[in-house]
Amino acid sequence: PPSSTPSSCDPALRPIIRRRARSLPTSPERKKRAAVQCQEPGCQSRMNRVRFADALGLELTEVKVFQTGEDPTIPLHVLSRLSINSDLWYSSLNLEFTMQCLVPDFQQPADCPDFSSRLQEQRVCLERVTSSDLGLSGTIQVLNVAFEKQVSVRYTFNEWESLHEVCAHWHQSLPEKNRQDQVDVFTFFLPVPPFLLQLSTLVQFAARYQVNGQEYWDNNRGKNYTLTCRTHPLKLPRECEESWIHFI
């Protein structure tokens, strides 16, 4: 073939000529020209305009001509993170996340209709208890029989073969209601070691109230308060599903 025929199928590239545009007229001159143009019959001036850097007399930062095979590339670490999080997002539709926690085997006493009568009868009554990663937290109500009083919680992990006891701390006093005695509220915390959180593990406890040389108990009508370690399902948070955008 003739030597003048290009050896590649790519179109010939024309050189880009940088040319500094003539600076725009000053503001008074532009206003004057606009006023003159608008006075002509049928003239319609438009305020919206598009300006480019070279039209303002500024140099273009860089001119880049891309050829075949020179497409912009994405860093490898970004691609890998996008791939991992994309797989996690799709697989989360079929994965089930679970955790082990202590669940009460009884209704919260404060939610029972006979709570007030039990408190008057026993002088002490568990109000409610909640479970967390560190242990059990709860509140106890006692009748304010005397100023000096001591409230504690006795508990066990092995069906009372061994036991532990922690002191409860005064939290607040409730005003008298329906001509009943004033009530004090105590809070307590039972630490539960993580290695004990195995399926079917039991935690049992009872509340103890000492006042005026007397001792009163709330042991859930002789059955004790029992919590069992069970599996609790967890839902994948919404922010985790869209976490891939944070890697860009």
C-alpha atoms as a PDB file:
ATOM      1  CA  PRO A   1       0.000   0.000   0.000  1.00  0.00           C
ATOM      2  CA  PRO A   2       1.116   3.598  -0.439  1.00  0.00           C
ATOM      3  CA  SER A   3       3.191   5.005   2.333  1.00  0.00           C
ATOM      4  CA  SER A   4       0.784   7.899   2.799  1.00  0.00           C
ATOM      5  CA  THR A   5      -1.946   5.543   4.139  1.00  0.00           C
ATOM      6  CA  PRO A   6      -2.056   5.464   7.972  1.00  0.00           C
ATOM      7  CA  SER A   7      -1.125   2.124   9.536  1.00  0.00           C
ATOM      8  CA  SER A   8      -3.737   2.484  12.312  1.00  0.00           C
ATOM      9  CA  CYS A   9      -7.515   2.584  12.237  1.00  0.00           C
ATOM     10  CA  ASP A  10      -7.568   5.459  14.714  1.00  0.00           C
ATOM     11  CA  PRO A  11      -8.504   8.826  13.251  1.00  0.00           C
ATOM     12  CA  ALA A  12      -5.713  11.271  12.837  1.00  0.00           C
ATOM     13  CA  LEU A  13      -5.297  13.548  15.853  1.00  0.00           C
ATOM     14  CA  ARG A  14      -5.238  17.231  15.255  1.00  0.00           C
ATOM     15  CA  PRO A  15      -2.985  19.266  17.462  1.00  0.00           C
ATOM     16  CA  ILE A  16      -4.719  21.412  20.031  1.00  0.00           C
ATOM     17  CA  ILE A  17      -3.727  25.038  19.741  1.00  0.00           C
ATOM     18  CA  ARG A  18      -3.759  27.001  22.937  1.00  0.00           C
ATOM     19  CA  ARG A  19      -4.918  30.505  22.344  1.00  0.00           C
ATOM     20  CA  ARG A  20      -5.411  33.172  24.939  1.00  0.00           C
ATOM     21  CA  ALA A  21      -8.775  34.794  24.403  1.00  0.00           C
ATOM     22  CA  ARG A  22      -9.101  38.520  24.321  1.00  0.00           C
ATOM     23  CA  SER A  23     -10.151  39.822  27.693  1.00  0.00           C
ATOM     24  CA  LEU A  24     -13.785  40.756  28.078  1.00  0.00           C
ATOM     25  CA  PRO A  25     -14.590  44.411  28.145  1.00  0.00           C
ATOM     26  CA  THR A  26     -14.815  46.125  31.487  1.00  0.00           C
ATOM     27  CA  SER A  27     -18.090  46.261  33.334  1.00  0.00           C
ATOM     28  CA  PRO A  28     -19.063  49.826  32.226  1.00  0.00           C
ATOM     29  CA  GLU A  29     -18.359  48.917  28.605  1.00  0.00           C
ATOM     30  CA  ARG A  30     -20.492  45.767  28.840  1.00  0.00           C
ATOM     31  CA  LYS A  31     -23.375  47.739  30.341  1.00  0.00           C
ATOM     32  CA  LYS A  32     -23.063  50.356  27.622  1.00  0.00           C
ATOM     33  CA  ARG A  33     -23.108  47.761  24.840  1.00  0.00           C
ATOM     34  CA  ALA A  34     -26.059  45.976  26.400  1.00  0.00           C
ATOM     35  CA  ALA A  35     -27.973  49.218  26.636  1.00  0.00           C
ATOM     36  CA  VAL A  36     -27.293  50.021  22.985  1.00  0.00           C
ATOM     37  CA  GLN A  37     -28.332  46.568  21.834  1.00  0.00           C
ATOM     38  CA  CYS A  38     -31.538  46.601  23.839  1.00  0.00           C
ATOM     39  CA  GLN A  39     -32.606  49.861  22.227  1.00  0.00           C
ATOM     40  CA  GLU A  40     -32.714  48.247  18.799  1.00  0.00           C
ATOM     41  CA  PRO A  41     -36.134  47.062  17.552  1.00  0.00           C
ATOM     42  CA  GLY A  42     -36.846  43.414  18.316  1.00  0.00           C
ATOM     43  CA  CYS A  43     -33.802  43.057  20.552  1.00  0.00           C
ATOM     44  CA  GLN A  44     -34.147  40.461  23.324  1.00  0.00           C
ATOM     45  CA  SER A  45     -31.337  40.344  25.858  1.00  0.00           C
ATOM     46  CA  ARG A  46     -30.842  37.237  27.977  1.00  0.00           C
ATOM     47  CA  MET A  47     -29.201  37.398  31.383  1.00  0.00           C
ATOM     48  CA  ASN A  48     -28.141  33.727  31.606  1.00  0.00           C
ATOM     49  CA  ARG A  49     -24.717  33.185  30.063  1.00  0.00           C
ATOM     50  CA  VAL A  50     -22.105  30.443  30.041  1.00  0.00           C
ATOM     51  CA  ARG A  51     -18.473  31.494  30.370  1.00  0.00           C
ATOM     52  CA  PHE A  52     -15.334  29.430  30.030  1.00  0.00           C
ATOM     53  CA  ALA A  53     -11.976  30.035  31.602  1.00  0.00           C
ATOM     54  CA  ASP A  54     -10.241  30.935  28.342  1.00  0.00           C
ATOM     55  CA  ALA A  55     -13.084  33.344  27.493  1.00  0.00           C
ATOM     56  CA  LEU A  56     -12.270  35.251  30.690  1.00  0.00           C
ATOM     57  CA  GLY A  57      -8.668  35.617  29.694  1.00  0.00           C
ATOM     58  CA  LEU A  58      -7.508  32.776  31.967  1.00  0.00           C
ATOM     59  CA  GLU A  59      -5.231  29.924  30.984  1.00  0.00           C
ATOM     60  CA  LEU A  60      -6.638  26.432  30.864  1.00  0.00           C
ATOM     61  CA  THR A  61      -5.108  24.296  33.594  1.00  0.00           C
ATOM     62  CA  GLU A  62      -4.385  21.292  31.401  1.00  0.00           C
ATOM     63  CA  VAL A  63      -5.391  19.882  28.037  1.00  0.00           C
ATOM     64  CA  LYS A  64      -5.428  16.109  27.842  1.00  0.00           C
ATOM     65  CA  VAL A  65      -6.008  14.033  24.708  1.00  0.00           C
ATOM     66  CA  PHE A  66      -7.045  10.425  25.437  1.00  0.00           C
ATOM     67  CA  GLN A  67      -6.165   7.708  22.991  1.00  0.00           C
ATOM     68  CA  THR A  68      -7.360   4.123  22.764  1.00  0.00           C
ATOM     69  CA  GLY A  69      -6.419   2.147  25.890  1.00  0.00           C
ATOM     70  CA  GLU A  70      -5.855   5.243  28.009  1.00  0.00           C
ATOM     71  CA  ASP A  71      -9.170   5.236  29.921  1.00  0.00           C
ATOM     72  CA  PRO A  72      -9.004   6.629  33.489  1.00  0.00           C
ATOM     73  CA  THR A  73      -8.307   3.904  36.086  1.00  0.00           C
ATOM     74  CA  ILE A  74      -9.725   3.407  39.606  1.00  0.00           C
ATOM     75  CA  PRO A  75      -7.214   2.548  42.355  1.00  0.00           C
ATOM     76  CA  LEU A  76      -7.086  -1.160  43.180  1.00  0.00           C
ATOM     77  CA  HIS A  77      -7.750  -0.694  46.918  1.00  0.00           C
ATOM     78  CA  VAL A  78     -10.971   1.182  46.124  1.00  0.00           C
ATOM     79  CA  LEU A  79     -12.162  -1.572  43.776  1.00  0.00           C
ATOM     80  CA  SER A  80     -11.419  -4.274  46.349  1.00  0.00           C
ATOM     81  CA  ARG A  81     -13.338  -2.503  49.107  1.00  0.00           C
ATOM     82  CA  LEU A  82     -16.279  -1.891  46.801  1.00  0.00           C
ATOM     83  CA  SER A  83     -16.320  -5.567  45.866  1.00  0.00           C
ATOM     84  CA  ILE A  84     -16.196  -6.775  49.496  1.00  0.00           C
ATOM     85  CA  ASN A  85     -18.964  -4.461  50.672  1.00  0.00           C
ATOM     86  CA  SER A  86     -21.096  -5.233  47.638  1.00  0.00           C
ATOM     87  CA  ASP A  87     -20.866  -8.962  48.462  1.00  0.00           C
ATOM     88  CA  LEU A  88     -21.746  -8.223  52.091  1.00  0.00           C
ATOM     89  CA  TRP A  89     -24.789  -6.208  51.070  1.00  0.00           C
ATOM     90  CA  TYR A  90     -26.169  -8.958  48.822  1.00  0.00           C
ATOM     91  CA  SER A  91     -25.330 -11.789  51.246  1.00  0.00           C
ATOM     92  CA  SER A  92     -26.958  -9.935  54.161  1.00  0.00           C
ATOM     93  CA  LEU A  93     -30.314 -10.784  52.616  1.00  0.00           C
ATOM     94  CA  ASN A  94     -29.726 -14.441  53.507  1.00  0.00           C
ATOM     95  CA  LEU A  95     -27.540 -14.127  56.633  1.00  0.00           C
ATOM     96  CA  GLU A  96     -29.031 -14.135  60.119  1.00  0.00           C
ATOM     97  CA  PHE A  97     -27.106 -12.341  62.846  1.00  0.00           C
ATOM     98  CA  THR A  98     -27.771 -13.512  66.386  1.00  0.00           C
ATOM     99  CA  MET A  99     -26.495 -12.818  69.900  1.00  0.00           C
ATOM    100  CA  GLN A 100     -26.938 -14.510  73.256  1.00  0.00           C
ATOM    101  CA  CYS A 101     -28.589 -12.600  76.083  1.00  0.00           C
ATOM    102  CA  LEU A 102     -30.461 -13.206  79.338  1.00  0.00           C
ATOM    103  CA  VAL A 103     -34.240 -13.114  78.951  1.00  0.00           C
ATOM    104  CA  PRO A 104     -36.615 -12.927  81.974  1.00  0.00           C
ATOM    105  CA  ASP A 105     -38.846 -15.942  82.481  1.00  0.00           C
ATOM    106  CA  PHE A 106     -41.353 -13.748  84.345  1.00  0.00           C
ATOM    107  CA  GLN A 107     -43.468 -10.708  83.669  1.00  0.00           C
ATOM    108  CA  GLN A 108     -41.988  -7.458  84.891  1.00  0.00           C
ATOM    109  CA  PRO A 109     -43.575  -6.974  88.361  1.00  0.00           C
ATOM    110  CA  ALA A 110     -44.279  -3.276  87.748  1.00  0.00           C
ATOM    111  CA  ASP A 111     -46.510  -4.297  84.817  1.00  0.00           C
ATOM    112  CA  CYS A 112     -48.587  -6.683  86.955  1.00  0.00           C
ATOM    113  CA  PRO A 113     -51.935  -5.403  88.314  1.00  0.00           C
ATOM    114  CA  ASP A 114     -51.147  -6.699  91.833  1.00  0.00           C
ATOM    115  CA  PHE A 115     -47.832  -4.864  92.142  1.00  0.00           C
ATOM    116  CA  SER A 116     -49.052  -2.382  94.787  1.00  0.00           C
ATOM    117  CA  SER A 117     -50.668  -5.089  96.905  1.00  0.00           C
ATOM    118  CA  ARG A 118     -47.530  -7.245  96.743  1.00  0.00           C
ATOM    119  CA  LEU A 119     -45.431  -4.292  97.864  1.00  0.00           C
ATOM    120  CA  GLN A 120     -47.711  -3.611 100.852  1.00  0.00           C
ATOM    121  CA  GLU A 121     -47.709  -7.284 101.794  1.00  0.00           C
ATOM    122  CA  GLN A 122     -43.967  -8.015 101.419  1.00  0.00           C
ATOM    123  CA  ARG A 123     -42.597  -4.524 102.224  1.00  0.00           C
ATOM    124  CA  VAL A 124     -40.231  -5.063  99.274  1.00  0.00           C
ATOM    125  CA  CYS A 125     -40.855  -5.858  95.601  1.00  0.00           C
ATOM    126  CA  LEU A 126     -38.770  -5.993  92.450  1.00  0.00           C
ATOM    127  CA  GLU A 127     -39.959  -3.315  90.009  1.00  0.00           C
ATOM    128  CA  ARG A 128     -38.226  -4.353  86.783  1.00  0.00           C
ATOM    129  CA  VAL A 129     -34.926  -5.766  85.466  1.00  0.00           C
ATOM    130  CA  THR A 130     -33.075  -5.343  82.150  1.00  0.00           C
ATOM    131  CA  SER A 131     -30.212  -7.271  80.547  1.00  0.00           C
ATOM    132  CA  SER A 132     -27.064  -5.898  78.880  1.00  0.00           C
ATOM    133  CA  ASP A 133     -23.660  -7.115  77.728  1.00  0.00           C
ATOM    134  CA  LEU A 134     -22.194  -6.512  81.196  1.00  0.00           C
ATOM    135  CA  GLY A 135     -24.943  -7.943  83.392  1.00  0.00           C
ATOM    136  CA  LEU A 136     -28.362  -7.241  84.869  1.00  0.00           C
ATOM    137  CA  SER A 137     -29.678  -3.873  86.009  1.00  0.00           C
ATOM    138  CA  GLY A 138     -32.880  -3.352  87.942  1.00  0.00           C
ATOM    139  CA  THR A 139     -34.930  -1.360  90.413  1.00  0.00           C
ATOM    140  CA  ILE A 140     -36.549  -2.385  93.715  1.00  0.00           C
ATOM    141  CA  GLN A 141     -39.272  -0.613  95.678  1.00  0.00           C
ATOM    142  CA  VAL A 142     -39.458  -0.804  99.478  1.00  0.00           C
ATOM    143  CA  LEU A 143     -41.803   0.732 102.017  1.00  0.00           C
ATOM    144  CA  ASN A 144     -40.151   3.540 103.951  1.00  0.00           C
ATOM    145  CA  VAL A 145     -40.566   1.870 107.332  1.00  0.00           C
ATOM    146  CA  ALA A 146     -37.539   3.673 108.809  1.00  0.00           C
ATOM    147  CA  PHE A 147     -34.781   5.954 107.649  1.00  0.00           C
ATOM    148  CA  GLU A 148     -32.017   3.395 108.231  1.00  0.00           C
ATOM    149  CA  LYS A 149     -32.464   0.509 105.823  1.00  0.00           C
ATOM    150  CA  GLN A 150     -30.444  -1.867 103.694  1.00  0.00           C
ATOM    151  CA  VAL A 151     -31.488  -3.420 100.389  1.00  0.00           C
ATOM    152  CA  SER A 152     -29.518  -6.138  98.607  1.00  0.00           C
ATOM    153  CA  VAL A 153     -29.900  -8.788  95.908  1.00  0.00           C
ATOM    154  CA  ARG A 154     -28.830 -12.399  96.388  1.00  0.00           C
ATOM    155  CA  TYR A 155     -28.202 -14.357  93.173  1.00  0.00           C
ATOM    156  CA  THR A 156     -26.716 -17.578  91.792  1.00  0.00           C
ATOM    157  CA  PHE A 157     -25.572 -19.131  88.498  1.00  0.00           C
ATOM    158  CA  ASN A 158     -25.698 -22.796  89.578  1.00  0.00           C
ATOM    159  CA  GLU A 159     -29.056 -23.465  91.224  1.00  0.00           C
ATOM    160  CA  TRP A 160     -27.905 -22.102  94.622  1.00  0.00           C
ATOM    161  CA  GLU A 161     -24.915 -24.427  94.989  1.00  0.00           C
ATOM    162  CA  SER A 162     -23.015 -21.159  95.465  1.00  0.00           C
ATOM    163  CA  LEU A 163     -24.388 -17.656  95.794  1.00  0.00           C
ATOM    164  CA  HIS A 164     -23.393 -14.006  95.588  1.00  0.00           C
ATOM    165  CA  GLU A 165     -24.918 -10.865  97.045  1.00  0.00           C
ATOM    166  CA  VAL A 166     -24.668  -7.205  96.002  1.00  0.00           C
ATOM    167  CA  CYS A 167     -25.955  -4.087  97.758  1.00  0.00           C
ATOM    168  CA  ALA A 168     -28.580  -1.912  96.118  1.00  0.00           C
ATOM    169  CA  HIS A 169     -28.282   1.879  96.213  1.00  0.00           C
ATOM    170  CA  TRP A 170     -30.931   4.453  97.049  1.00  0.00           C
ATOM    171  CA  HIS A 171     -32.248   6.211  93.951  1.00  0.00           C
ATOM    172  CA  GLN A 172     -35.298   8.275  94.878  1.00  0.00           C
ATOM    173  CA  SER A 173     -38.343   8.542  97.135  1.00  0.00           C
ATOM    174  CA  LEU A 174     -41.871   8.378  95.754  1.00  0.00           C
ATOM    175  CA  PRO A 175     -44.599  10.526  97.365  1.00  0.00           C
ATOM    176  CA  GLU A 176     -47.441   8.932  99.311  1.00  0.00           C
ATOM    177  CA  LYS A 177     -50.325   7.755  97.137  1.00  0.00           C
ATOM    178  CA  ASN A 178     -53.827   6.653  98.184  1.00  0.00           C
ATOM    179  CA  ARG A 179     -52.856   7.012 101.878  1.00  0.00           C
ATOM    180  CA  GLN A 180     -50.195   4.351 101.505  1.00  0.00           C
ATOM    181  CA  ASP A 181     -46.743   4.503 103.024  1.00  0.00           C
ATOM    182  CA  GLN A 182     -43.979   6.417 101.305  1.00  0.00           C
ATOM    183  CA  VAL A 183     -41.887   4.288  98.944  1.00  0.00           C
ATOM    184  CA  ASP A 184     -38.131   4.342  98.313  1.00  0.00           C
ATOM    185  CA  VAL A 185     -36.621   3.130  95.046  1.00  0.00           C
ATOM    186  CA  PHE A 186     -33.262   1.334  95.001  1.00  0.00           C
ATOM    187  CA  THR A 187     -31.151   0.364  91.991  1.00  0.00           C
ATOM    188  CA  PHE A 188     -28.853  -2.650  91.634  1.00  0.00           C
ATOM    189  CA  PHE A 189     -26.461  -4.224  89.145  1.00  0.00           C
ATOM    190  CA  LEU A 190     -25.541  -7.903  88.885  1.00  0.00           C
ATOM    191  CA  PRO A 191     -22.307  -8.493  86.927  1.00  0.00           C
ATOM    192  CA  VAL A 192     -22.532 -11.520  84.639  1.00  0.00           C
ATOM    193  CA  PRO A 193     -19.207 -12.797  83.219  1.00  0.00           C
ATOM    194  CA  PRO A 194     -19.359 -13.269  79.410  1.00  0.00           C
ATOM    195  CA  PHE A 195     -18.124 -16.880  79.617  1.00  0.00           C
ATOM    196  CA  LEU A 196     -21.309 -17.765  81.527  1.00  0.00           C
ATOM    197  CA  LEU A 197     -23.516 -16.628  78.647  1.00  0.00           C
ATOM    198  CA  GLN A 198     -24.147 -20.029  77.131  1.00  0.00           C
ATOM    199  CA  LEU A 199     -27.456 -21.354  75.900  1.00  0.00           C
ATOM    200  CA  SER A 200     -29.781 -22.465  78.714  1.00  0.00           C
ATOM    201  CA  THR A 201     -27.670 -20.770  81.400  1.00  0.00           C
ATOM    202  CA  LEU A 202     -29.869 -19.679  84.337  1.00  0.00           C
ATOM    203  CA  VAL A 203     -29.490 -16.668  86.610  1.00  0.00           C
ATOM    204  CA  GLN A 204     -31.697 -16.676  89.698  1.00  0.00           C
ATOM    205  CA  PHE A 205     -32.044 -13.926  92.302  1.00  0.00           C
ATOM    206  CA  ALA A 206     -34.195 -12.559  95.096  1.00  0.00           C
ATOM    207  CA  ALA A 207     -34.457  -9.145  96.787  1.00  0.00           C
ATOM    208  CA  ARG A 208     -33.632  -8.718 100.492  1.00  0.00           C
ATOM    209  CA  TYR A 209     -34.826  -5.812 102.696  1.00  0.00           C
ATOM    210  CA  GLN A 210     -33.452  -5.215 106.218  1.00  0.00           C
ATOM    211  CA  VAL A 211     -35.025  -2.515 108.415  1.00  0.00           C
ATOM    212  CA  ASN A 212     -35.715  -2.076 112.164  1.00  0.00           C
ATOM    213  CA  GLY A 213     -34.092  -5.403 112.899  1.00  0.00           C
ATOM    214  CA  GLN A 214     -36.509  -7.196 110.564  1.00  0.00           C
ATOM    215  CA  GLU A 215     -35.804  -8.971 107.268  1.00  0.00           C
ATOM    216  CA  TYR A 216     -38.173  -9.091 104.312  1.00  0.00           C
ATOM    217  CA  TRP A 217     -37.799 -10.955 101.015  1.00  0.00           C
ATOM    218  CA  ASP A 218     -39.207 -10.784  97.521  1.00  0.00           C
ATOM    219  CA  ASN A 219     -38.478 -14.156  95.897  1.00  0.00           C
ATOM    220  CA  ASN A 220     -41.277 -14.120  93.293  1.00  0.00           C
ATOM    221  CA  ARG A 221     -43.727 -16.012  95.494  1.00  0.00           C
ATOM    222  CA  GLY A 222     -41.137 -18.667  96.379  1.00  0.00           C
ATOM    223  CA  LYS A 223     -40.082 -19.326  92.757  1.00  0.00           C
ATOM    224  CA  ASN A 224     -37.228 -16.777  92.639  1.00  0.00           C
ATOM    225  CA  TYR A 225     -36.683 -14.482  89.674  1.00  0.00           C
ATOM    226  CA  THR A 226     -35.090 -16.468  86.850  1.00  0.00           C
ATOM    227  CA  LEU A 227     -33.511 -15.349  83.584  1.00  0.00           C
ATOM    228  CA  THR A 228     -32.449 -17.801  80.863  1.00  0.00           C
ATOM    229  CA  CYS A 229     -29.760 -17.271  78.246  1.00  0.00           C
ATOM    230  CA  ARG A 230     -31.393 -17.428  74.813  1.00  0.00           C
ATOM    231  CA  THR A 231     -30.494 -16.585  71.232  1.00  0.00           C
ATOM    232  CA  HIS A 232     -31.763 -13.204  70.127  1.00  0.00           C
ATOM    233  CA  PRO A 233     -31.946 -12.333  66.374  1.00  0.00           C
ATOM    234  CA  LEU A 234     -30.412  -9.089  65.160  1.00  0.00           C
ATOM    235  CA  LYS A 235     -31.320  -7.073  62.058  1.00  0.00           C
ATOM    236  CA  LEU A 236     -28.524  -5.595  59.965  1.00  0.00           C
ATOM    237  CA  PRO A 237     -28.532  -1.798  60.523  1.00  0.00           C
ATOM    238  CA  ARG A 238     -29.462   0.355  57.553  1.00  0.00           C
ATOM    239  CA  GLU A 239     -26.152   2.218  57.644  1.00  0.00           C
ATOM    240  CA  CYS A 240     -24.240  -1.055  57.233  1.00  0.00           C
ATOM    241  CA  GLU A 241     -26.118  -1.830  54.026  1.00  0.00           C
ATOM    242  CA  GLU A 242     -24.925   1.413  52.473  1.00  0.00           C
ATOM    243  CA  SER A 243     -21.461   1.472  54.062  1.00  0.00           C
ATOM    244  CA  TRP A 244     -19.756   0.872  50.687  1.00  0.00           C
ATOM    245  CA  ILE A 245     -20.156   4.552  49.777  1.00  0.00           C
ATOM    246  CA  HIS A 246     -17.745   5.518  52.585  1.00  0.00           C
ATOM    247  CA  PHE A 247     -14.866   3.790  50.791  1.00  0.00           C
ATOM    248  CA  ILE A 248     -15.037   5.974  47.681  1.00  0.00           C
END
